[in-house]
């Protein structure tokens, strides 16, 4: 599945949650987020905190992969696999300023 929009991400989370037989309250509890936040993300909330999204995906057993081969086939041969930890750290530091 390709995720291109916040709505795509919300659909993925909702579908996986239902497949696992979890209601929103149980998933929210396990991911340590509010049920309201989860509901908004499932509806495609565009400004969800990345850390909370990643934690929710982890609870659902969803892994995000970068398709470097596909990007390369489109002429982006020098693309590197992004370091998500570094990106989150930079974002956190810039927010603290």
PDB file of N, CA and C in Angstrom:
ATOM      1  N   UNK A   1       0.846  -1.181   0.000  1.00  0.00           N
ATOM      2  CA  UNK A   1       0.000   0.000   0.000  1.00  0.00           C
ATOM      3  C   UNK A   1       0.886   1.236   0.000  1.00  0.00           C
ATOM      4  N   UNK A   2       0.566   2.180  -0.847  1.00  0.00           N
ATOM      5  CA  UNK A   2       1.299   3.432  -0.882  1.00  0.00           C
ATOM      6  C   UNK A   2       0.526   4.487  -0.097  1.00  0.00           C
ATOM      7  N   UNK A   3       1.252   5.183   0.777  1.00  0.00           N
ATOM      8  CA  UNK A   3       0.647   6.244   1.570  1.00  0.00           C
ATOM      9  C   UNK A   3       1.038   7.572   0.954  1.00  0.00           C
ATOM     10  N   UNK A   4       0.051   8.286   0.455  1.00  0.00           N
ATOM     11  CA  UNK A   4       0.324   9.565  -0.193  1.00  0.00           C
ATOM     12  C   UNK A   4      -0.305  10.736   0.548  1.00  0.00           C
ATOM     13  N   UNK A   5      -1.296  10.468   1.362  1.00  0.00           N
ATOM     14  CA  UNK A   5      -2.010  11.543   2.048  1.00  0.00           C
ATOM     15  C   UNK A   5      -2.291  11.134   3.493  1.00  0.00           C
ATOM     16  N   UNK A   6      -2.631  12.109   4.342  1.00  0.00           N
ATOM     17  CA  UNK A   6      -3.040  11.769   5.703  1.00  0.00           C
ATOM     18  C   UNK A   6      -4.254  10.828   5.712  1.00  0.00           C
ATOM     19  N   UNK A   7      -5.136  10.973   4.740  1.00  0.00           N
ATOM     20  CA  UNK A   7      -6.310  10.097   4.665  1.00  0.00           C
ATOM     21  C   UNK A   7      -5.886   8.653   4.377  1.00  0.00           C
ATOM     22  N   UNK A   8      -4.850   8.469   3.549  1.00  0.00           N
ATOM     23  CA  UNK A   8      -4.331   7.121   3.283  1.00  0.00           C
ATOM     24  C   UNK A   8      -3.812   6.496   4.576  1.00  0.00           C
ATOM     25  N   UNK A   9      -3.076   7.290   5.355  1.00  0.00           N
ATOM     26  CA  UNK A   9      -2.539   6.798   6.626  1.00  0.00           C
ATOM     27  C   UNK A   9      -3.676   6.447   7.575  1.00  0.00           C
ATOM     28  N   UNK A  10      -4.682   7.296   7.648  1.00  0.00           N
ATOM     29  CA  UNK A  10      -5.835   7.034   8.511  1.00  0.00           C
ATOM     30  C   UNK A  10      -6.555   5.760   8.115  1.00  0.00           C
ATOM     31  N   UNK A  11      -6.708   5.548   6.824  1.00  0.00           N
ATOM     32  CA  UNK A  11      -7.362   4.323   6.341  1.00  0.00           C
ATOM     33  C   UNK A  11      -6.556   3.088   6.712  1.00  0.00           C
ATOM     34  N   UNK A  12      -5.238   3.182   6.568  1.00  0.00           N
ATOM     35  CA  UNK A  12      -4.373   2.058   6.939  1.00  0.00           C
ATOM     36  C   UNK A  12      -4.532   1.712   8.417  1.00  0.00           C
ATOM     37  N   UNK A  13      -4.497   2.721   9.262  1.00  0.00           N
ATOM     38  CA  UNK A  13      -4.618   2.497  10.702  1.00  0.00           C
ATOM     39  C   UNK A  13      -5.981   1.894  11.027  1.00  0.00           C
ATOM     40  N   UNK A  14      -7.047   2.447  10.478  1.00  0.00           N
ATOM     41  CA  UNK A  14      -8.398   1.940  10.743  1.00  0.00           C
ATOM     42  C   UNK A  14      -8.553   0.486  10.285  1.00  0.00           C
ATOM     43  N   UNK A  15      -8.090   0.198   9.060  1.00  0.00           N
ATOM     44  CA  UNK A  15      -8.221  -1.165   8.530  1.00  0.00           C
ATOM     45  C   UNK A  15      -7.439  -2.172   9.365  1.00  0.00           C
ATOM     46  N   UNK A  16      -6.215  -1.817   9.734  1.00  0.00           N
ATOM     47  CA  UNK A  16      -5.383  -2.727  10.536  1.00  0.00           C
ATOM     48  C   UNK A  16      -5.999  -2.925  11.919  1.00  0.00           C
ATOM     49  N   UNK A  17      -6.489  -1.839  12.519  1.00  0.00           N
ATOM     50  CA  UNK A  17      -7.111  -1.921  13.846  1.00  0.00           C
ATOM     51  C   UNK A  17      -8.284  -2.881  13.808  1.00  0.00           C
ATOM     52  N   UNK A  18      -9.133  -2.727  12.808  1.00  0.00           N
ATOM     53  CA  UNK A  18     -10.311  -3.591  12.698  1.00  0.00           C
ATOM     54  C   UNK A  18      -9.912  -5.033  12.428  1.00  0.00           C
ATOM     55  N   UNK A  19      -8.899  -5.238  11.597  1.00  0.00           N
ATOM     56  CA  UNK A  19      -8.432  -6.594  11.301  1.00  0.00           C
ATOM     57  C   UNK A  19      -7.944  -7.292  12.567  1.00  0.00           C
ATOM     58  N   UNK A  20      -7.345  -6.525  13.476  1.00  0.00           N
ATOM     59  CA  UNK A  20      -6.860  -7.072  14.737  1.00  0.00           C
ATOM     60  C   UNK A  20      -7.958  -7.182  15.795  1.00  0.00           C
ATOM     61  N   UNK A  21      -9.173  -6.726  15.446  1.00  0.00           N
ATOM     62  CA  UNK A  21     -10.297  -6.815  16.368  1.00  0.00           C
ATOM     63  C   UNK A  21     -10.241  -5.826  17.518  1.00  0.00           C
ATOM     64  N   UNK A  22      -9.586  -4.696  17.286  1.00  0.00           N
ATOM     65  CA  UNK A  22      -9.473  -3.673  18.331  1.00  0.00           C
ATOM     66  C   UNK A  22     -10.469  -2.555  18.070  1.00  0.00           C
ATOM     67  N   UNK A  23     -11.052  -2.036  19.141  1.00  0.00           N
ATOM     68  CA  UNK A  23     -11.838  -0.821  18.967  1.00  0.00           C
ATOM     69  C   UNK A  23     -10.897   0.367  19.193  1.00  0.00           C
ATOM     70  N   UNK A  24     -11.377   1.550  18.919  1.00  0.00           N
ATOM     71  CA  UNK A  24     -10.518   2.730  19.047  1.00  0.00           C
ATOM     72  C   UNK A  24     -10.006   2.910  20.473  1.00  0.00           C
ATOM     73  N   UNK A  25     -10.841   2.657  21.444  1.00  0.00           N
ATOM     74  CA  UNK A  25     -10.431   2.856  22.836  1.00  0.00           C
ATOM     75  C   UNK A  25      -9.278   1.926  23.207  1.00  0.00           C
ATOM     76  N   UNK A  26      -9.328   0.670  22.773  1.00  0.00           N
ATOM     77  CA  UNK A  26      -8.265  -0.283  23.111  1.00  0.00           C
ATOM     78  C   UNK A  26      -6.958   0.079  22.412  1.00  0.00           C
ATOM     79  N   UNK A  27      -7.038   0.419  21.125  1.00  0.00           N
ATOM     80  CA  UNK A  27      -5.813   0.810  20.425  1.00  0.00           C
ATOM     81  C   UNK A  27      -5.227   2.079  21.040  1.00  0.00           C
ATOM     82  N   UNK A  28      -6.072   3.038  21.341  1.00  0.00           N
ATOM     83  CA  UNK A  28      -5.595   4.276  21.952  1.00  0.00           C
ATOM     84  C   UNK A  28      -4.890   3.984  23.276  1.00  0.00           C
ATOM     85  N   UNK A  29      -5.455   3.094  24.072  1.00  0.00           N
ATOM     86  CA  UNK A  29      -4.832   2.726  25.353  1.00  0.00           C
ATOM     87  C   UNK A  29      -3.462   2.096  25.118  1.00  0.00           C
ATOM     88  N   UNK A  30      -3.385   1.141  24.197  1.00  0.00           N
ATOM     89  CA  UNK A  30      -2.123   0.447  23.935  1.00  0.00           C
ATOM     90  C   UNK A  30      -1.049   1.374  23.366  1.00  0.00           C
ATOM     91  N   UNK A  31      -1.467   2.336  22.545  1.00  0.00           N
ATOM     92  CA  UNK A  31      -0.521   3.266  21.923  1.00  0.00           C
ATOM     93  C   UNK A  31      -0.244   4.492  22.794  1.00  0.00           C
ATOM     94  N   UNK A  32      -0.955   4.593  23.918  1.00  0.00           N
ATOM     95  CA  UNK A  32      -0.817   5.721  24.845  1.00  0.00           C
ATOM     96  C   UNK A  32      -1.146   7.053  24.165  1.00  0.00           C
ATOM     97  N   UNK A  33      -2.277   7.039  23.442  1.00  0.00           N
ATOM     98  CA  UNK A  33      -2.813   8.254  22.822  1.00  0.00           C
ATOM     99  C   UNK A  33      -4.275   8.350  23.233  1.00  0.00           C
ATOM    100  N   UNK A  34      -4.888   9.495  22.978  1.00  0.00           N
ATOM    101  CA  UNK A  34      -6.311   9.613  23.314  1.00  0.00           C
ATOM    102  C   UNK A  34      -7.170   8.997  22.207  1.00  0.00           C
ATOM    103  N   UNK A  35      -8.355   8.572  22.563  1.00  0.00           N
ATOM    104  CA  UNK A  35      -9.273   8.022  21.564  1.00  0.00           C
ATOM    105  C   UNK A  35      -9.661   9.102  20.568  1.00  0.00           C
ATOM    106  N   UNK A  36      -9.817  10.342  21.029  1.00  0.00           N
ATOM    107  CA  UNK A  36     -10.147  11.458  20.146  1.00  0.00           C
ATOM    108  C   UNK A  36      -9.048  11.662  19.103  1.00  0.00           C
ATOM    109  N   UNK A  37      -7.777  11.637  19.544  1.00  0.00           N
ATOM    110  CA  UNK A  37      -6.660  11.789  18.617  1.00  0.00           C
ATOM    111  C   UNK A  37      -6.699  10.679  17.570  1.00  0.00           C
ATOM    112  N   UNK A  38      -6.889   9.445  18.017  1.00  0.00           N
ATOM    113  CA  UNK A  38      -6.940   8.311  17.103  1.00  0.00           C
ATOM    114  C   UNK A  38      -8.080   8.473  16.094  1.00  0.00           C
ATOM    115  N   UNK A  39      -9.230   8.888  16.563  1.00  0.00           N
ATOM    116  CA  UNK A  39     -10.369   9.115  15.684  1.00  0.00           C
ATOM    117  C   UNK A  39     -10.044  10.151  14.616  1.00  0.00           C
ATOM    118  N   UNK A  40      -9.387  11.230  15.014  1.00  0.00           N
ATOM    119  CA  UNK A  40      -9.025  12.276  14.065  1.00  0.00           C
ATOM    120  C   UNK A  40      -8.019  11.772  13.035  1.00  0.00           C
ATOM    121  N   UNK A  41      -7.044  10.984  13.469  1.00  0.00           N
ATOM    122  CA  UNK A  41      -6.048  10.430  12.548  1.00  0.00           C
ATOM    123  C   UNK A  41      -6.723   9.488  11.555  1.00  0.00           C
ATOM    124  N   UNK A  42      -7.618   8.654  12.046  1.00  0.00           N
ATOM    125  CA  UNK A  42      -8.322   7.726  11.159  1.00  0.00           C
ATOM    126  C   UNK A  42      -9.161   8.470  10.116  1.00  0.00           C
ATOM    127  N   UNK A  43      -9.566   9.684  10.431  1.00  0.00           N
ATOM    128  CA  UNK A  43     -10.328  10.494   9.475  1.00  0.00           C
ATOM    129  C   UNK A  43      -9.432  11.356   8.591  1.00  0.00           C
ATOM    130  N   UNK A  44      -8.107  11.222   8.750  1.00  0.00           N
ATOM    131  CA  UNK A  44      -7.181  11.936   7.875  1.00  0.00           C
ATOM    132  C   UNK A  44      -6.669  13.256   8.399  1.00  0.00           C
ATOM    133  N   UNK A  45      -6.638  13.424   9.722  1.00  0.00           N
ATOM    134  CA  UNK A  45      -6.115  14.663  10.310  1.00  0.00           C
ATOM    135  C   UNK A  45      -4.721  14.950   9.741  1.00  0.00           C
ATOM    136  N   UNK A  46      -4.534  16.114   9.109  1.00  0.00           N
ATOM    137  CA  UNK A  46      -3.269  16.377   8.425  1.00  0.00           C
ATOM    138  C   UNK A  46      -2.099  16.761   9.320  1.00  0.00           C
ATOM    139  N   UNK A  47      -2.316  17.085  10.551  1.00  0.00           N
ATOM    140  CA  UNK A  47      -1.213  17.559  11.394  1.00  0.00           C
ATOM    141  C   UNK A  47      -0.979  16.677  12.615  1.00  0.00           C
ATOM    142  N   UNK A  48      -1.067  15.395  12.434  1.00  0.00           N
ATOM    143  CA  UNK A  48      -0.838  14.468  13.546  1.00  0.00           C
ATOM    144  C   UNK A  48       0.652  14.412  13.871  1.00  0.00           C
ATOM    145  N   UNK A  49       0.981  14.340  15.152  1.00  0.00           N
ATOM    146  CA  UNK A  49       2.376  14.257  15.589  1.00  0.00           C
ATOM    147  C   UNK A  49       3.000  12.951  15.101  1.00  0.00           C
ATOM    148  N   UNK A  50       4.140  13.070  14.444  1.00  0.00           N
ATOM    149  CA  UNK A  50       4.794  11.910  13.847  1.00  0.00           C
ATOM    150  C   UNK A  50       5.123  10.849  14.891  1.00  0.00           C
ATOM    151  N   UNK A  51       5.611  11.258  16.040  1.00  0.00           N
ATOM    152  CA  UNK A  51       5.965  10.296  17.080  1.00  0.00           C
ATOM    153  C   UNK A  51       4.775   9.455  17.514  1.00  0.00           C
ATOM    154  N   UNK A  52       3.622  10.094  17.642  1.00  0.00           N
ATOM    155  CA  UNK A  52       2.424   9.359  18.039  1.00  0.00           C
ATOM    156  C   UNK A  52       1.954   8.428  16.925  1.00  0.00           C
ATOM    157  N   UNK A  53       2.068   8.890  15.689  1.00  0.00           N
ATOM    158  CA  UNK A  53       1.698   8.038  14.555  1.00  0.00           C
ATOM    159  C   UNK A  53       2.594   6.806  14.518  1.00  0.00           C
ATOM    160  N   UNK A  54       3.906   7.013  14.662  1.00  0.00           N
ATOM    161  CA  UNK A  54       4.839   5.884  14.631  1.00  0.00           C
ATOM    162  C   UNK A  54       4.582   4.913  15.775  1.00  0.00           C
ATOM    163  N   UNK A  55       4.275   5.432  16.943  1.00  0.00           N
ATOM    164  CA  UNK A  55       3.981   4.568  18.086  1.00  0.00           C
ATOM    165  C   UNK A  55       2.711   3.761  17.826  1.00  0.00           C
ATOM    166  N   UNK A  56       1.708   4.387  17.239  1.00  0.00           N
ATOM    167  CA  UNK A  56       0.460   3.692  16.916  1.00  0.00           C
ATOM    168  C   UNK A  56       0.713   2.597  15.883  1.00  0.00           C
ATOM    169  N   UNK A  57       1.494   2.908  14.855  1.00  0.00           N
ATOM    170  CA  UNK A  57       1.812   1.904  13.841  1.00  0.00           C
ATOM    171  C   UNK A  57       2.577   0.733  14.450  1.00  0.00           C
ATOM    172  N   UNK A  58       3.455   1.021  15.397  1.00  0.00           N
ATOM    173  CA  UNK A  58       4.209  -0.043  16.056  1.00  0.00           C
ATOM    174  C   UNK A  58       3.267  -0.987  16.811  1.00  0.00           C
ATOM    175  N   UNK A  59       2.305  -0.437  17.525  1.00  0.00           N
ATOM    176  CA  UNK A  59       1.330  -1.256  18.249  1.00  0.00           C
ATOM    177  C   UNK A  59       0.560  -2.147  17.279  1.00  0.00           C
ATOM    178  N   UNK A  60       0.276  -1.620  16.100  1.00  0.00           N
ATOM    179  CA  UNK A  60      -0.470  -2.376  15.088  1.00  0.00           C
ATOM    180  C   UNK A  60       0.412  -3.364  14.322  1.00  0.00           C
ATOM    181  N   UNK A  61       1.713  -3.320  14.560  1.00  0.00           N
ATOM    182  CA  UNK A  61       2.618  -4.214  13.849  1.00  0.00           C
ATOM    183  C   UNK A  61       2.860  -3.800  12.408  1.00  0.00           C
ATOM    184  N   UNK A  62       2.716  -2.507  12.114  1.00  0.00           N
ATOM    185  CA  UNK A  62       2.921  -1.992  10.760  1.00  0.00           C
ATOM    186  C   UNK A  62       4.338  -1.434  10.655  1.00  0.00           C
ATOM    187  N   UNK A  63       5.057  -1.884   9.624  1.00  0.00           N
ATOM    188  CA  UNK A  63       6.407  -1.381   9.366  1.00  0.00           C
ATOM    189  C   UNK A  63       6.378  -0.508   8.125  1.00  0.00           C
ATOM    190  N   UNK A  64       7.070   0.619   8.194  1.00  0.00           N
ATOM    191  CA  UNK A  64       7.175   1.506   7.041  1.00  0.00           C
ATOM    192  C   UNK A  64       8.492   1.209   6.331  1.00  0.00           C
ATOM    193  N   UNK A  65       8.421   1.040   5.022  1.00  0.00           N
ATOM    194  CA  UNK A  65       9.606   0.770   4.222  1.00  0.00           C
ATOM    195  C   UNK A  65       9.735   1.820   3.138  1.00  0.00           C
ATOM    196  N   UNK A  66      10.954   2.137   2.792  1.00  0.00           N
ATOM    197  CA  UNK A  66      11.212   3.062   1.700  1.00  0.00           C
ATOM    198  C   UNK A  66      11.480   2.225   0.462  1.00  0.00           C
ATOM    199  N   UNK A  67      10.789   2.508  -0.609  1.00  0.00           N
ATOM    200  CA  UNK A  67      10.949   1.764  -1.848  1.00  0.00           C
ATOM    201  C   UNK A  67      11.996   2.463  -2.707  1.00  0.00           C
ATOM    202  N   UNK A  68      13.272   2.282  -2.356  1.00  0.00           N
ATOM    203  CA  UNK A  68      14.360   2.937  -3.068  1.00  0.00           C
ATOM    204  C   UNK A  68      14.454   2.456  -4.510  1.00  0.00           C
ATOM    205  N   UNK A  69      14.114   1.198  -4.756  1.00  0.00           N
ATOM    206  CA  UNK A  69      14.171   0.674  -6.122  1.00  0.00           C
ATOM    207  C   UNK A  69      13.181   1.406  -7.019  1.00  0.00           C
ATOM    208  N   UNK A  70      11.978   1.624  -6.541  1.00  0.00           N
ATOM    209  CA  UNK A  70      10.964   2.323  -7.330  1.00  0.00           C
ATOM    210  C   UNK A  70      11.411   3.765  -7.595  1.00  0.00           C
ATOM    211  N   UNK A  71      11.950   4.425  -6.574  1.00  0.00           N
ATOM    212  CA  UNK A  71      12.431   5.792  -6.749  1.00  0.00           C
ATOM    213  C   UNK A  71      13.566   5.820  -7.762  1.00  0.00           C
ATOM    214  N   UNK A  72      14.445   4.841  -7.705  1.00  0.00           N
ATOM    215  CA  UNK A  72      15.559   4.756  -8.633  1.00  0.00           C
ATOM    216  C   UNK A  72      15.065   4.579 -10.070  1.00  0.00           C
ATOM    217  N   UNK A  73      14.040   3.767 -10.242  1.00  0.00           N
ATOM    218  CA  UNK A  73      13.487   3.532 -11.575  1.00  0.00           C
ATOM    219  C   UNK A  73      12.889   4.803 -12.166  1.00  0.00           C
ATOM    220  N   UNK A  74      12.514   5.742 -11.312  1.00  0.00           N
ATOM    221  CA  UNK A  74      11.934   7.004 -11.791  1.00  0.00           C
ATOM    222  C   UNK A  74      13.002   8.065 -12.017  1.00  0.00           C
ATOM    223  N   UNK A  75      14.280   7.669 -11.934  1.00  0.00           N
ATOM    224  CA  UNK A  75      15.356   8.618 -12.225  1.00  0.00           C
ATOM    225  C   UNK A  75      15.945   9.293 -11.009  1.00  0.00           C
ATOM    226  N   UNK A  76      15.687   8.780  -9.834  1.00  0.00           N
ATOM    227  CA  UNK A  76      16.244   9.355  -8.613  1.00  0.00           C
ATOM    228  C   UNK A  76      17.290   8.404  -8.052  1.00  0.00           C
ATOM    229  N   UNK A  77      18.273   8.050  -8.847  1.00  0.00           N
ATOM    230  CA  UNK A  77      19.244   7.018  -8.492  1.00  0.00           C
ATOM    231  C   UNK A  77      20.055   7.370  -7.256  1.00  0.00           C
ATOM    232  N   UNK A  78      20.269   8.651  -6.984  1.00  0.00           N
ATOM    233  CA  UNK A  78      21.095   8.981  -5.835  1.00  0.00           C
ATOM    234  C   UNK A  78      20.302   9.188  -4.564  1.00  0.00           C
ATOM    235  N   UNK A  79      19.065   8.726  -4.517  1.00  0.00           N
ATOM    236  CA  UNK A  79      18.288   8.816  -3.283  1.00  0.00           C
ATOM    237  C   UNK A  79      18.854   7.867  -2.237  1.00  0.00           C
ATOM    238  N   UNK A  80      18.945   8.344  -1.030  1.00  0.00           N
ATOM    239  CA  UNK A  80      19.394   7.497   0.067  1.00  0.00           C
ATOM    240  C   UNK A  80      18.192   7.161   0.928  1.00  0.00           C
ATOM    241  N   UNK A  81      18.295   6.064   1.649  1.00  0.00           N
ATOM    242  CA  UNK A  81      17.241   5.707   2.594  1.00  0.00           C
ATOM    243  C   UNK A  81      17.285   6.730   3.722  1.00  0.00           C
ATOM    244  N   UNK A  82      16.178   7.388   4.011  1.00  0.00           N
ATOM    245  CA  UNK A  82      16.184   8.435   5.038  1.00  0.00           C
ATOM    246  C   UNK A  82      16.390   7.870   6.428  1.00  0.00           C
ATOM    247  N   UNK A  83      17.094   8.624   7.262  1.00  0.00           N
ATOM    248  CA  UNK A  83      17.301   8.264   8.658  1.00  0.00           C
ATOM    249  C   UNK A  83      16.179   8.928   9.464  1.00  0.00           C
ATOM    250  N   UNK A  84      15.112   8.159   9.717  1.00  0.00           N
ATOM    251  CA  UNK A  84      13.933   8.703  10.401  1.00  0.00           C
ATOM    252  C   UNK A  84      14.296   9.260  11.774  1.00  0.00           C
ATOM    253  N   UNK A  85      15.182   8.565  12.507  1.00  0.00           N
ATOM    254  CA  UNK A  85      15.574   9.042  13.833  1.00  0.00           C
ATOM    255  C   UNK A  85      16.203  10.436  13.753  1.00  0.00           C
ATOM    256  N   UNK A  86      17.063  10.639  12.768  1.00  0.00           N
ATOM    257  CA  UNK A  86      17.710  11.941  12.609  1.00  0.00           C
ATOM    258  C   UNK A  86      16.696  13.020  12.246  1.00  0.00           C
ATOM    259  N   UNK A  87      15.758  12.677  11.406  1.00  0.00           N
ATOM    260  CA  UNK A  87      14.723  13.636  11.000  1.00  0.00           C
ATOM    261  C   UNK A  87      13.888  14.061  12.204  1.00  0.00           C
ATOM    262  N   UNK A  88      13.467  13.087  13.012  1.00  0.00           N
ATOM    263  CA  UNK A  88      12.657  13.389  14.198  1.00  0.00           C
ATOM    264  C   UNK A  88      13.468  14.209  15.190  1.00  0.00           C
ATOM    265  N   UNK A  89      14.752  13.869  15.372  1.00  0.00           N
ATOM    266  CA  UNK A  89      15.604  14.616  16.299  1.00  0.00           C
ATOM    267  C   UNK A  89      15.743  16.071  15.856  1.00  0.00           C
ATOM    268  N   UNK A  90      15.985  16.288  14.551  1.00  0.00           N
ATOM    269  CA  UNK A  90      16.095  17.661  14.038  1.00  0.00           C
ATOM    270  C   UNK A  90      14.794  18.426  14.235  1.00  0.00           C
ATOM    271  N   UNK A  91      13.678  17.765  13.980  1.00  0.00           N
ATOM    272  CA  UNK A  91      12.377  18.430  14.131  1.00  0.00           C
ATOM    273  C   UNK A  91      12.133  18.798  15.580  1.00  0.00           C
ATOM    274  N   UNK A  92      12.500  17.911  16.479  1.00  0.00           N
ATOM    275  CA  UNK A  92      12.313  18.158  17.909  1.00  0.00           C
ATOM    276  C   UNK A  92      13.170  19.321  18.370  1.00  0.00           C
ATOM    277  N   UNK A  93      14.422  19.363  17.907  1.00  0.00           N
ATOM    278  CA  UNK A  93      15.325  20.458  18.293  1.00  0.00           C
ATOM    279  C   UNK A  93      14.820  21.791  17.761  1.00  0.00           C
ATOM    280  N   UNK A  94      14.349  21.829  16.524  1.00  0.00           N
ATOM    281  CA  UNK A  94      13.874  23.094  15.960  1.00  0.00           C
ATOM    282  C   UNK A  94      12.604  23.564  16.650  1.00  0.00           C
ATOM    283  N   UNK A  95      11.791  22.618  17.133  1.00  0.00           N
ATOM    284  CA  UNK A  95      10.575  22.978  17.851  1.00  0.00           C
ATOM    285  C   UNK A  95      10.888  23.588  19.207  1.00  0.00           C
ATOM    286  N   UNK A  96      11.994  23.124  19.826  1.00  0.00           N
ATOM    287  CA  UNK A  96      12.376  23.583  21.155  1.00  0.00           C
ATOM    288  C   UNK A  96      12.899  25.011  21.132  1.00  0.00           C
ATOM    289  N   UNK A  97      13.329  25.482  19.973  1.00  0.00           N
ATOM    290  CA  UNK A  97      13.907  26.842  19.879  1.00  0.00           C
ATOM    291  C   UNK A  97      12.891  27.902  20.030  1.00  0.00           C
TER     292      UNK A  97
END
